[in-house]
Amino acid sequence: MSASKVLLGVVVGLAVGAALGIMLAPDSGEKTRKKISKKGEAYVEDLQSKFNEFLDGFMSKVESTKDEAKGKAHEMVDSAKSKYNDLKSEVKSDMKKYS
């Protein structure tokens, strides 16, 4: 049996179970709707909290990557300056030899 068929079966089973649970609930429709609403709000708050945690972690990773890239760029610039100065000194030295 394929994974998609199993997943479809689980989803349909959950939907049927939820519908039967609501129809056979001992509370009135109004109380049941309030419970569902409160549970939905709790799920939304939980989802929002998890999303914010994910976003904070993601932004932290972006910042550290940005800082790392900045550091590497500075290293490259410093290395290039050093090589330029070495080459400049070497050319001046060679110019003095042939002058």
PDB file of N, CA and C in Angstrom:
ATOM      1  N   MET A   1       0.844  -1.172   0.000  1.00  0.00           N
ATOM      2  CA  MET A   1       0.000   0.000   0.000  1.00  0.00           C
ATOM      3  C   MET A   1       0.891   1.236   0.000  1.00  0.00           C
ATOM      4  N   SER A   2       0.544   2.220  -0.810  1.00  0.00           N
ATOM      5  CA  SER A   2       1.394   3.403  -0.919  1.00  0.00           C
ATOM      6  C   SER A   2       1.180   4.339   0.268  1.00  0.00           C
ATOM      7  N   ALA A   3       2.169   5.164   0.499  1.00  0.00           N
ATOM      8  CA  ALA A   3       2.120   6.103   1.625  1.00  0.00           C
ATOM      9  C   ALA A   3       0.988   7.102   1.459  1.00  0.00           C
ATOM     10  N   SER A   4       0.693   7.501   0.227  1.00  0.00           N
ATOM     11  CA  SER A   4      -0.381   8.482   0.015  1.00  0.00           C
ATOM     12  C   SER A   4      -1.739   7.890   0.366  1.00  0.00           C
ATOM     13  N   LYS A   5      -1.941   6.585   0.093  1.00  0.00           N
ATOM     14  CA  LYS A   5      -3.212   5.943   0.447  1.00  0.00           C
ATOM     15  C   LYS A   5      -3.353   5.828   1.961  1.00  0.00           C
ATOM     16  N   VAL A   6      -2.250   5.509   2.633  1.00  0.00           N
ATOM     17  CA  VAL A   6      -2.282   5.416   4.090  1.00  0.00           C
ATOM     18  C   VAL A   6      -2.590   6.773   4.689  1.00  0.00           C
ATOM     19  N   LEU A   7      -1.933   7.814   4.187  1.00  0.00           N
ATOM     20  CA  LEU A   7      -2.157   9.172   4.685  1.00  0.00           C
ATOM     21  C   LEU A   7      -3.600   9.598   4.451  1.00  0.00           C
ATOM     22  N   LEU A   8      -4.145   9.304   3.273  1.00  0.00           N
ATOM     23  CA  LEU A   8      -5.535   9.636   2.968  1.00  0.00           C
ATOM     24  C   LEU A   8      -6.462   8.914   3.926  1.00  0.00           C
ATOM     25  N   GLY A   9      -6.188   7.641   4.210  1.00  0.00           N
ATOM     26  CA  GLY A   9      -7.007   6.874   5.147  1.00  0.00           C
ATOM     27  C   GLY A   9      -6.987   7.462   6.542  1.00  0.00           C
ATOM     28  N   VAL A  10      -5.802   7.893   6.979  1.00  0.00           N
ATOM     29  CA  VAL A  10      -5.675   8.503   8.305  1.00  0.00           C
ATOM     30  C   VAL A  10      -6.461   9.810   8.372  1.00  0.00           C
ATOM     31  N   VAL A  11      -6.336  10.642   7.347  1.00  0.00           N
ATOM     32  CA  VAL A  11      -7.042  11.934   7.322  1.00  0.00           C
ATOM     33  C   VAL A  11      -8.556  11.713   7.319  1.00  0.00           C
ATOM     34  N   VAL A  12      -9.037  10.792   6.485  1.00  0.00           N
ATOM     35  CA  VAL A  12     -10.480  10.508   6.433  1.00  0.00           C
ATOM     36  C   VAL A  12     -10.946   9.959   7.771  1.00  0.00           C
ATOM     37  N   GLY A  13     -10.164   9.081   8.370  1.00  0.00           N
ATOM     38  CA  GLY A  13     -10.523   8.532   9.675  1.00  0.00           C
ATOM     39  C   GLY A  13     -10.612   9.601  10.746  1.00  0.00           C
ATOM     40  N   LEU A  14      -9.669  10.529  10.732  1.00  0.00           N
ATOM     41  CA  LEU A  14      -9.709  11.634  11.698  1.00  0.00           C
ATOM     42  C   LEU A  14     -10.937  12.513  11.491  1.00  0.00           C
ATOM     43  N   ALA A  15     -11.268  12.795  10.231  1.00  0.00           N
ATOM     44  CA  ALA A  15     -12.432  13.638   9.935  1.00  0.00           C
ATOM     45  C   ALA A  15     -13.721  12.954  10.379  1.00  0.00           C
ATOM     46  N   VAL A  16     -13.853  11.665  10.088  1.00  0.00           N
ATOM     47  CA  VAL A  16     -15.061  10.923  10.491  1.00  0.00           C
ATOM     48  C   VAL A  16     -15.146  10.855  12.010  1.00  0.00           C
ATOM     49  N   GLY A  17     -14.020  10.596  12.652  1.00  0.00           N
ATOM     50  CA  GLY A  17     -14.010  10.543  14.114  1.00  0.00           C
ATOM     51  C   GLY A  17     -14.385  11.869  14.741  1.00  0.00           C
ATOM     52  N   ALA A  18     -13.878  12.950  14.187  1.00  0.00           N
ATOM     53  CA  ALA A  18     -14.212  14.284  14.717  1.00  0.00           C
ATOM     54  C   ALA A  18     -15.691  14.580  14.527  1.00  0.00           C
ATOM     55  N   ALA A  19     -16.222  14.246  13.364  1.00  0.00           N
ATOM     56  CA  ALA A  19     -17.647  14.494  13.098  1.00  0.00           C
ATOM     57  C   ALA A  19     -18.519  13.674  14.043  1.00  0.00           C
ATOM     58  N   LEU A  20     -18.191  12.404  14.231  1.00  0.00           N
ATOM     59  CA  LEU A  20     -18.966  11.564  15.155  1.00  0.00           C
ATOM     60  C   LEU A  20     -18.845  12.072  16.590  1.00  0.00           C
ATOM     61  N   GLY A  21     -17.660  12.507  16.968  1.00  0.00           N
ATOM     62  CA  GLY A  21     -17.466  13.034  18.317  1.00  0.00           C
ATOM     63  C   GLY A  21     -18.301  14.273  18.570  1.00  0.00           C
ATOM     64  N   ILE A  22     -18.400  15.126  17.577  1.00  0.00           N
ATOM     65  CA  ILE A  22     -19.207  16.341  17.736  1.00  0.00           C
ATOM     66  C   ILE A  22     -20.685  15.989  17.815  1.00  0.00           C
ATOM     67  N   MET A  23     -21.143  15.064  16.951  1.00  0.00           N
ATOM     68  CA  MET A  23     -22.571  14.706  16.935  1.00  0.00           C
ATOM     69  C   MET A  23     -22.978  13.963  18.203  1.00  0.00           C
ATOM     70  N   LEU A  24     -22.094  13.200  18.774  1.00  0.00           N
ATOM     71  CA  LEU A  24     -22.427  12.408  19.946  1.00  0.00           C
ATOM     72  C   LEU A  24     -21.965  13.058  21.250  1.00  0.00           C
ATOM     73  N   ALA A  25     -21.518  14.272  21.177  1.00  0.00           N
ATOM     74  CA  ALA A  25     -21.019  14.974  22.365  1.00  0.00           C
ATOM     75  C   ALA A  25     -22.146  15.201  23.360  1.00  0.00           C
ATOM     76  N   PRO A  26     -21.827  15.070  24.663  1.00  0.00           N
ATOM     77  CA  PRO A  26     -22.863  15.260  25.685  1.00  0.00           C
ATOM     78  C   PRO A  26     -23.253  16.722  25.886  1.00  0.00           C
ATOM     79  N   ASP A  27     -22.419  17.644  25.453  1.00  0.00           N
ATOM     80  CA  ASP A  27     -22.724  19.070  25.632  1.00  0.00           C
ATOM     81  C   ASP A  27     -23.619  19.565  24.503  1.00  0.00           C
ATOM     82  N   SER A  28     -24.227  20.734  24.737  1.00  0.00           N
ATOM     83  CA  SER A  28     -25.055  21.345  23.701  1.00  0.00           C
ATOM     84  C   SER A  28     -24.174  21.845  22.568  1.00  0.00           C
ATOM     85  N   GLY A  29     -24.767  22.170  21.459  1.00  0.00           N
ATOM     86  CA  GLY A  29     -24.026  22.674  20.302  1.00  0.00           C
ATOM     87  C   GLY A  29     -23.261  23.935  20.628  1.00  0.00           C
ATOM     88  N   GLU A  30     -23.899  24.809  21.414  1.00  0.00           N
ATOM     89  CA  GLU A  30     -23.243  26.082  21.765  1.00  0.00           C
ATOM     90  C   GLU A  30     -21.979  25.838  22.589  1.00  0.00           C
ATOM     91  N   LYS A  31     -22.071  24.951  23.582  1.00  0.00           N
ATOM     92  CA  LYS A  31     -20.908  24.646  24.410  1.00  0.00           C
ATOM     93  C   LYS A  31     -19.821  23.965  23.583  1.00  0.00           C
ATOM     94  N   THR A  32     -20.254  23.078  22.720  1.00  0.00           N
ATOM     95  CA  THR A  32     -19.292  22.367  21.873  1.00  0.00           C
ATOM     96  C   THR A  32     -18.561  23.349  20.960  1.00  0.00           C
ATOM     97  N   ARG A  33     -19.308  24.282  20.372  1.00  0.00           N
ATOM     98  CA  ARG A  33     -18.685  25.283  19.495  1.00  0.00           C
ATOM     99  C   ARG A  33     -17.697  26.139  20.274  1.00  0.00           C
ATOM    100  N   LYS A  34     -18.059  26.499  21.514  1.00  0.00           N
ATOM    101  CA  LYS A  34     -17.145  27.294  22.345  1.00  0.00           C
ATOM    102  C   LYS A  34     -15.865  26.506  22.639  1.00  0.00           C
ATOM    103  N   LYS A  35     -16.033  25.208  22.948  1.00  0.00           N
ATOM    104  CA  LYS A  35     -14.853  24.373  23.212  1.00  0.00           C
ATOM    105  C   LYS A  35     -13.968  24.287  21.979  1.00  0.00           C
ATOM    106  N   ILE A  36     -14.613  24.089  20.828  1.00  0.00           N
ATOM    107  CA  ILE A  36     -13.854  24.004  19.578  1.00  0.00           C
ATOM    108  C   ILE A  36     -13.146  25.320  19.303  1.00  0.00           C
ATOM    109  N   SER A  37     -13.852  26.424  19.546  1.00  0.00           N
ATOM    110  CA  SER A  37     -13.269  27.749  19.324  1.00  0.00           C
ATOM    111  C   SER A  37     -12.062  27.971  20.239  1.00  0.00           C
ATOM    112  N   LYS A  38     -12.201  27.629  21.520  1.00  0.00           N
ATOM    113  CA  LYS A  38     -11.091  27.796  22.463  1.00  0.00           C
ATOM    114  C   LYS A  38      -9.911  26.910  22.071  1.00  0.00           C
ATOM    115  N   LYS A  39     -10.211  25.679  21.674  1.00  0.00           N
ATOM    116  CA  LYS A  39      -9.149  24.762  21.263  1.00  0.00           C
ATOM    117  C   LYS A  39      -8.460  25.299  20.008  1.00  0.00           C
ATOM    118  N   GLY A  40      -9.249  25.839  19.081  1.00  0.00           N
ATOM    119  CA  GLY A  40      -8.677  26.421  17.866  1.00  0.00           C
ATOM    120  C   GLY A  40      -7.780  27.604  18.187  1.00  0.00           C
ATOM    121  N   GLU A  41      -8.219  28.438  19.121  1.00  0.00           N
ATOM    122  CA  GLU A  41      -7.401  29.586  19.518  1.00  0.00           C
ATOM    123  C   GLU A  41      -6.087  29.116  20.149  1.00  0.00           C
ATOM    124  N   ALA A  42      -6.184  28.055  20.948  1.00  0.00           N
ATOM    125  CA  ALA A  42      -4.966  27.515  21.573  1.00  0.00           C
ATOM    126  C   ALA A  42      -4.015  26.991  20.497  1.00  0.00           C
ATOM    127  N   TYR A  43      -4.560  26.300  19.492  1.00  0.00           N
ATOM    128  CA  TYR A  43      -3.715  25.802  18.406  1.00  0.00           C
ATOM    129  C   TYR A  43      -3.078  26.954  17.633  1.00  0.00           C
ATOM    130  N   VAL A  44      -3.849  28.008  17.392  1.00  0.00           N
ATOM    131  CA  VAL A  44      -3.323  29.160  16.663  1.00  0.00           C
ATOM    132  C   VAL A  44      -2.202  29.812  17.467  1.00  0.00           C
ATOM    133  N   GLU A  45      -2.400  29.986  18.772  1.00  0.00           N
ATOM    134  CA  GLU A  45      -1.363  30.589  19.616  1.00  0.00           C
ATOM    135  C   GLU A  45      -0.101  29.721  19.626  1.00  0.00           C
ATOM    136  N   ASP A  46      -0.301  28.408  19.718  1.00  0.00           N
ATOM    137  CA  ASP A  46       0.838  27.487  19.717  1.00  0.00           C
ATOM    138  C   ASP A  46       1.581  27.553  18.380  1.00  0.00           C
ATOM    139  N   LEU A  47       0.824  27.546  17.303  1.00  0.00           N
ATOM    140  CA  LEU A  47       1.426  27.625  15.977  1.00  0.00           C
ATOM    141  C   LEU A  47       2.170  28.946  15.803  1.00  0.00           C
ATOM    142  N   GLN A  48       1.556  30.034  16.280  1.00  0.00           N
ATOM    143  CA  GLN A  48       2.192  31.350  16.183  1.00  0.00           C
ATOM    144  C   GLN A  48       3.490  31.380  16.992  1.00  0.00           C
ATOM    145  N   SER A  49       3.465  30.784  18.178  1.00  0.00           N
ATOM    146  CA  SER A  49       4.655  30.733  19.020  1.00  0.00           C
ATOM    147  C   SER A  49       5.767  29.939  18.336  1.00  0.00           C
ATOM    148  N   LYS A  50       5.411  28.795  17.767  1.00  0.00           N
ATOM    149  CA  LYS A  50       6.414  27.976  17.082  1.00  0.00           C
ATOM    150  C   LYS A  50       6.950  28.689  15.847  1.00  0.00           C
ATOM    151  N   PHE A  51       6.090  29.401  15.135  1.00  0.00           N
ATOM    152  CA  PHE A  51       6.540  30.152  13.967  1.00  0.00           C
ATOM    153  C   PHE A  51       7.502  31.248  14.383  1.00  0.00           C
ATOM    154  N   ASN A  52       7.182  31.950  15.469  1.00  0.00           N
ATOM    155  CA  ASN A  52       8.071  33.011  15.954  1.00  0.00           C
ATOM    156  C   ASN A  52       9.429  32.448  16.379  1.00  0.00           C
ATOM    157  N   GLU A  53       9.431  31.274  17.032  1.00  0.00           N
ATOM    158  CA  GLU A  53      10.691  30.633  17.400  1.00  0.00           C
ATOM    159  C   GLU A  53      11.501  30.295  16.153  1.00  0.00           C
ATOM    160  N   PHE A  54      10.818  29.738  15.150  1.00  0.00           N
ATOM    161  CA  PHE A  54      11.491  29.407  13.892  1.00  0.00           C
ATOM    162  C   PHE A  54      12.067  30.660  13.252  1.00  0.00           C
ATOM    163  N   LEU A  55      11.260  31.726  13.205  1.00  0.00           N
ATOM    164  CA  LEU A  55      11.694  32.972  12.587  1.00  0.00           C
ATOM    165  C   LEU A  55      12.881  33.571  13.326  1.00  0.00           C
ATOM    166  N   ASP A  56      12.854  33.535  14.663  1.00  0.00           N
ATOM    167  CA  ASP A  56      13.986  34.043  15.449  1.00  0.00           C
ATOM    168  C   ASP A  56      15.255  33.249  15.152  1.00  0.00           C
ATOM    169  N   GLY A  57      15.129  31.932  15.109  1.00  0.00           N
ATOM    170  CA  GLY A  57      16.278  31.083  14.799  1.00  0.00           C
ATOM    171  C   GLY A  57      16.802  31.341  13.399  1.00  0.00           C
ATOM    172  N   PHE A  58      15.889  31.501  12.460  1.00  0.00           N
ATOM    173  CA  PHE A  58      16.265  31.761  11.068  1.00  0.00           C
ATOM    174  C   PHE A  58      16.986  33.092  10.948  1.00  0.00           C
ATOM    175  N   MET A  59      16.435  34.130  11.584  1.00  0.00           N
ATOM    176  CA  MET A  59      17.058  35.450  11.513  1.00  0.00           C
ATOM    177  C   MET A  59      18.424  35.443  12.197  1.00  0.00           C
ATOM    178  N   SER A  60      18.547  34.696  13.282  1.00  0.00           N
ATOM    179  CA  SER A  60      19.831  34.577  13.960  1.00  0.00           C
ATOM    180  C   SER A  60      20.858  33.938  13.031  1.00  0.00           C
ATOM    181  N   LYS A  61      20.438  32.910  12.316  1.00  0.00           N
ATOM    182  CA  LYS A  61      21.333  32.229  11.375  1.00  0.00           C
ATOM    183  C   LYS A  61      21.730  33.182  10.250  1.00  0.00           C
ATOM    184  N   VAL A  62      20.765  33.965   9.751  1.00  0.00           N
ATOM    185  CA  VAL A  62      21.052  34.926   8.681  1.00  0.00           C
ATOM    186  C   VAL A  62      22.059  35.958   9.168  1.00  0.00           C
ATOM    187  N   GLU A  63      21.854  36.462  10.378  1.00  0.00           N
ATOM    188  CA  GLU A  63      22.771  37.466  10.930  1.00  0.00           C
ATOM    189  C   GLU A  63      24.173  36.899  11.100  1.00  0.00           C
ATOM    190  N   SER A  64      24.268  35.671  11.621  1.00  0.00           N
ATOM    191  CA  SER A  64      25.603  35.087  11.816  1.00  0.00           C
ATOM    192  C   SER A  64      26.276  34.836  10.475  1.00  0.00           C
ATOM    193  N   THR A  65      25.500  34.420   9.482  1.00  0.00           N
ATOM    194  CA  THR A  65      26.064  34.201   8.147  1.00  0.00           C
ATOM    195  C   THR A  65      26.520  35.521   7.547  1.00  0.00           C
ATOM    196  N   LYS A  66      25.710  36.563   7.755  1.00  0.00           N
ATOM    197  CA  LYS A  66      26.072  37.886   7.242  1.00  0.00           C
ATOM    198  C   LYS A  66      27.356  38.380   7.903  1.00  0.00           C
ATOM    199  N   ASP A  67      27.450  38.207   9.224  1.00  0.00           N
ATOM    200  CA  ASP A  67      28.658  38.625   9.943  1.00  0.00           C
ATOM    201  C   ASP A  67      29.871  37.827   9.472  1.00  0.00           C
ATOM    202  N   GLU A  68      29.666  36.540   9.247  1.00  0.00           N
ATOM    203  CA  GLU A  68      30.758  35.683   8.770  1.00  0.00           C
ATOM    204  C   GLU A  68      31.224  36.140   7.387  1.00  0.00           C
ATOM    205  N   ALA A  69      30.277  36.452   6.512  1.00  0.00           N
ATOM    206  CA  ALA A  69      30.623  36.911   5.162  1.00  0.00           C
ATOM    207  C   ALA A  69      31.349  38.251   5.223  1.00  0.00           C
ATOM    208  N   LYS A  70      30.893  39.128   6.118  1.00  0.00           N
ATOM    209  CA  LYS A  70      31.560  40.420   6.294  1.00  0.00           C
ATOM    210  C   LYS A  70      33.001  40.222   6.726  1.00  0.00           C
ATOM    211  N   GLY A  71      33.199  39.316   7.688  1.00  0.00           N
ATOM    212  CA  GLY A  71      34.546  39.037   8.183  1.00  0.00           C
ATOM    213  C   GLY A  71      35.447  38.513   7.075  1.00  0.00           C
ATOM    214  N   LYS A  72      34.914  37.603   6.252  1.00  0.00           N
ATOM    215  CA  LYS A  72      35.708  37.055   5.152  1.00  0.00           C
ATOM    216  C   LYS A  72      36.035  38.133   4.128  1.00  0.00           C
ATOM    217  N   ALA A  73      35.087  39.030   3.879  1.00  0.00           N
ATOM    218  CA  ALA A  73      35.339  40.121   2.934  1.00  0.00           C
ATOM    219  C   ALA A  73      36.452  41.021   3.450  1.00  0.00           C
ATOM    220  N   HIS A  74      36.424  41.325   4.745  1.00  0.00           N
ATOM    221  CA  HIS A  74      37.483  42.154   5.338  1.00  0.00           C
ATOM    222  C   HIS A  74      38.838  41.449   5.239  1.00  0.00           C
ATOM    223  N   GLU A  75      38.835  40.138   5.486  1.00  0.00           N
ATOM    224  CA  GLU A  75      40.082  39.383   5.371  1.00  0.00           C
ATOM    225  C   GLU A  75      40.628  39.447   3.946  1.00  0.00           C
ATOM    226  N   MET A  76      39.753  39.316   2.964  1.00  0.00           N
ATOM    227  CA  MET A  76      40.178  39.364   1.565  1.00  0.00           C
ATOM    228  C   MET A  76      40.746  40.735   1.211  1.00  0.00           C
ATOM    229  N   VAL A  77      40.078  41.788   1.687  1.00  0.00           N
ATOM    230  CA  VAL A  77      40.554  43.145   1.422  1.00  0.00           C
ATOM    231  C   VAL A  77      41.916  43.353   2.077  1.00  0.00           C
ATOM    232  N   ASP A  78      42.052  42.924   3.324  1.00  0.00           N
ATOM    233  CA  ASP A  78      43.334  43.077   4.023  1.00  0.00           C
ATOM    234  C   ASP A  78      44.433  42.296   3.314  1.00  0.00           C
ATOM    235  N   SER A  79      44.106  41.094   2.862  1.00  0.00           N
ATOM    236  CA  SER A  79      45.081  40.275   2.146  1.00  0.00           C
ATOM    237  C   SER A  79      45.494  40.959   0.835  1.00  0.00           C
ATOM    238  N   ALA A  80      44.512  41.496   0.125  1.00  0.00           N
ATOM    239  CA  ALA A  80      44.804  42.176  -1.142  1.00  0.00           C
ATOM    240  C   ALA A  80      45.678  43.411  -0.898  1.00  0.00           C
ATOM    241  N   LYS A  81      45.381  44.177   0.161  1.00  0.00           N
ATOM    242  CA  LYS A  81      46.189  45.352   0.493  1.00  0.00           C
ATOM    243  C   LYS A  81      47.622  44.938   0.810  1.00  0.00           C
ATOM    244  N   SER A  82      47.751  43.871   1.572  1.00  0.00           N
ATOM    245  CA  SER A  82      49.081  43.392   1.943  1.00  0.00           C
ATOM    246  C   SER A  82      49.864  42.965   0.703  1.00  0.00           C
ATOM    247  N   LYS A  83      49.226  42.221  -0.178  1.00  0.00           N
ATOM    248  CA  LYS A  83      49.899  41.793  -1.407  1.00  0.00           C
ATOM    249  C   LYS A  83      50.268  42.993  -2.276  1.00  0.00           C
ATOM    250  N   TYR A  84      49.374  43.972  -2.330  1.00  0.00           N
ATOM    251  CA  TYR A  84      49.656  45.195  -3.100  1.00  0.00           C
ATOM    252  C   TYR A  84      50.874  45.903  -2.531  1.00  0.00           C
ATOM    253  N   ASN A  85      50.911  46.071  -1.210  1.00  0.00           N
ATOM    254  CA  ASN A  85      52.037  46.756  -0.572  1.00  0.00           C
ATOM    255  C   ASN A  85      53.346  45.983  -0.768  1.00  0.00           C
ATOM    256  N   ASP A  86      53.280  44.643  -0.685  1.00  0.00           N
ATOM    257  CA  ASP A  86      54.475  43.830  -0.923  1.00  0.00           C
ATOM    258  C   ASP A  86      54.972  44.015  -2.354  1.00  0.00           C
ATOM    259  N   LEU A  87      54.050  43.960  -3.289  1.00  0.00           N
ATOM    260  CA  LEU A  87      54.411  44.114  -4.695  1.00  0.00           C
ATOM    261  C   LEU A  87      54.961  45.514  -4.962  1.00  0.00           C
ATOM    262  N   LYS A  88      54.339  46.502  -4.355  1.00  0.00           N
ATOM    263  CA  LYS A  88      54.796  47.892  -4.517  1.00  0.00           C
ATOM    264  C   LYS A  88      56.225  48.035  -3.997  1.00  0.00           C
ATOM    265  N   SER A  89      56.498  47.459  -2.827  1.00  0.00           N
ATOM    266  CA  SER A  89      57.854  47.519  -2.261  1.00  0.00           C
ATOM    267  C   SER A  89      58.849  46.804  -3.155  1.00  0.00           C
ATOM    268  N   GLU A  90      58.434  45.675  -3.678  1.00  0.00           N
ATOM    269  CA  GLU A  90      59.316  44.906  -4.564  1.00  0.00           C
ATOM    270  C   GLU A  90      59.630  45.686  -5.839  1.00  0.00           C
ATOM    271  N   VAL A  91      58.621  46.337  -6.409  1.00  0.00           N
ATOM    272  CA  VAL A  91      58.831  47.131  -7.636  1.00  0.00           C
ATOM    273  C   VAL A  91      59.754  48.304  -7.329  1.00  0.00           C
ATOM    274  N   LYS A  92      59.542  48.987  -6.198  1.00  0.00           N
ATOM    275  CA  LYS A  92      60.417  50.121  -5.828  1.00  0.00           C
ATOM    276  C   LYS A  92      61.860  49.638  -5.657  1.00  0.00           C
ATOM    277  N   SER A  93      62.006  48.483  -5.014  1.00  0.00           N
ATOM    278  CA  SER A  93      63.342  47.945  -4.816  1.00  0.00           C
ATOM    279  C   SER A  93      64.007  47.611  -6.149  1.00  0.00           C
ATOM    280  N   ASP A  94      63.239  47.016  -7.039  1.00  0.00           N
ATOM    281  CA  ASP A  94      63.796  46.684  -8.349  1.00  0.00           C
ATOM    282  C   ASP A  94      64.121  47.948  -9.137  1.00  0.00           C
ATOM    283  N   MET A  95      63.325  48.987  -8.986  1.00  0.00           N
ATOM    284  CA  MET A  95      63.562  50.249  -9.695  1.00  0.00           C
ATOM    285  C   MET A  95      64.862  50.884  -9.205  1.00  0.00           C
ATOM    286  N   LYS A  96      65.134  50.775  -7.906  1.00  0.00           N
ATOM    287  CA  LYS A  96      66.374  51.348  -7.355  1.00  0.00           C
ATOM    288  C   LYS A  96      67.591  50.591  -7.872  1.00  0.00           C
ATOM    289  N   LYS A  97      67.438  49.289  -8.063  1.00  0.00           N
ATOM    290  CA  LYS A  97      68.553  48.483  -8.554  1.00  0.00           C
ATOM    291  C   LYS A  97      68.937  48.917  -9.976  1.00  0.00           C
ATOM    292  N   TYR A  98      67.962  49.220 -10.773  1.00  0.00           N
ATOM    293  CA  TYR A  98      68.219  49.551 -12.176  1.00  0.00           C
ATOM    294  C   TYR A  98      68.379  51.050 -12.432  1.00  0.00           C
ATOM    295  N   SER A  99      68.330  51.837 -11.393  1.00  0.00           N
ATOM    296  CA  SER A  99      68.479  53.287 -11.560  1.00  0.00           C
ATOM    297  C   SER A  99      69.915  53.720 -11.515  1.00  0.00           C
TER     298      SER A  99
END
